[in-house]
C-alpha atoms as a PDB file:
ATOM      1  CA  MET A   1      32.935 -47.057 -48.835  1.00  0.00           C
ATOM      2  CA  THR A   2      32.615 -44.300 -46.573  1.00  0.00           C
ATOM      3  CA  ILE A   3      29.564 -43.787 -44.341  1.00  0.00           C
ATOM      4  CA  GLU A   4      28.710 -40.665 -46.479  1.00  0.00           C
ATOM      5  CA  GLN A   5      28.821 -42.853 -49.775  1.00  0.00           C
ATOM      6  CA  HIS A   6      26.802 -45.520 -47.952  1.00  0.00           C
ATOM      7  CA  ILE A   7      24.087 -42.931 -46.988  1.00  0.00           C
ATOM      8  CA  GLU A   8      23.886 -41.557 -50.588  1.00  0.00           C
ATOM      9  CA  GLU A   9      23.480 -45.120 -51.931  1.00  0.00           C
ATOM     10  CA  LEU A  10      20.783 -45.697 -49.530  1.00  0.00           C
ATOM     11  CA  ARG A  11      18.992 -42.707 -50.615  1.00  0.00           C
ATOM     12  CA  ALA A  12      19.276 -43.610 -54.161  1.00  0.00           C
ATOM     13  CA  GLU A  13      17.916 -47.171 -53.377  1.00  0.00           C
ATOM     14  CA  LEU A  14      15.041 -45.373 -51.544  1.00  0.00           C
ATOM     15  CA  ARG A  15      14.162 -43.259 -54.482  1.00  0.00           C
ATOM     16  CA  ASN A  16      13.982 -46.410 -56.732  1.00  0.00           C
ATOM     17  CA  ALA A  17      12.240 -48.711 -54.321  1.00  0.00           C
ATOM     18  CA  VAL A  18       8.694 -49.728 -55.275  1.00  0.00           C
ATOM     19  CA  ASP A  19       8.030 -52.368 -52.586  1.00  0.00           C
ATOM     20  CA  ARG A  20       6.686 -51.330 -49.316  1.00  0.00           C
ATOM     21  CA  LYS A  21       8.980 -53.723 -47.244  1.00  0.00           C
ATOM     22  CA  GLU A  22      11.949 -52.928 -49.228  1.00  0.00           C
ATOM     23  CA  ARG A  23      11.293 -49.176 -48.601  1.00  0.00           C
ATOM     24  CA  GLN A  24      10.789 -50.018 -44.892  1.00  0.00           C
ATOM     25  CA  GLN A  25      14.138 -51.856 -44.747  1.00  0.00           C
ATOM     26  CA  ILE A  26      16.091 -49.138 -46.615  1.00  0.00           C
ATOM     27  CA  VAL A  27      14.463 -46.383 -44.297  1.00  0.00           C
ATOM     28  CA  ALA A  28      15.685 -48.336 -41.342  1.00  0.00           C
ATOM     29  CA  GLU A  29      19.259 -48.944 -42.743  1.00  0.00           C
ATOM     30  CA  LEU A  30      19.335 -45.121 -43.626  1.00  0.00           C
ATOM     31  CA  ALA A  31      18.320 -44.126 -40.154  1.00  0.00           C
ATOM     32  CA  ALA A  32      21.032 -46.344 -38.710  1.00  0.00           C
ATOM     33  CA  ALA A  33      23.621 -45.019 -40.972  1.00  0.00           C
ATOM     34  CA  VAL A  34      22.627 -41.322 -40.286  1.00  0.00           C
ATOM     35  CA  ALA A  35      22.827 -42.033 -36.535  1.00  0.00           C
ATOM     36  CA  GLU A  36      26.291 -43.728 -36.987  1.00  0.00           C
ATOM     37  CA  LEU A  37      27.498 -40.518 -39.035  1.00  0.00           C
ATOM     38  CA  ASP A  38      26.086 -38.303 -36.250  1.00  0.00           C
ATOM     39  CA  ALA A  39      27.822 -40.335 -33.487  1.00  0.00           C
ATOM     40  CA  LEU A  40      31.204 -40.053 -35.489  1.00  0.00           C
ATOM     41  CA  LEU A  41      30.765 -36.404 -35.913  1.00  0.00           C
ATOM     42  CA  GLU A  42      29.967 -35.818 -32.332  1.00  0.00           C
ATOM     43  CA  LYS A  43      33.243 -37.547 -31.190  1.00  0.00           C
ATOM     44  CA  MET A  44      35.118 -35.451 -33.685  1.00  0.00           C
ATOM     45  CA  VAL A  45      33.489 -32.000 -32.809  1.00  0.00           C
ATOM     46  CA  PRO A  46      34.033 -30.890 -29.195  1.00  0.00           C
ATOM     47  CA  ASP A  47      31.263 -28.810 -27.616  1.00  0.00           C
END
């Protein structure tokens, strides 16, 4: 699974999550995945 697919999967899970703790966990995982993607893109795209 690519990082982009993982992010989309987490977004779908977040839309369907009803439990507060589950939502918080998904939000944290989503933030980490987005940060990972940003870091990868930063390495690929020179300034």
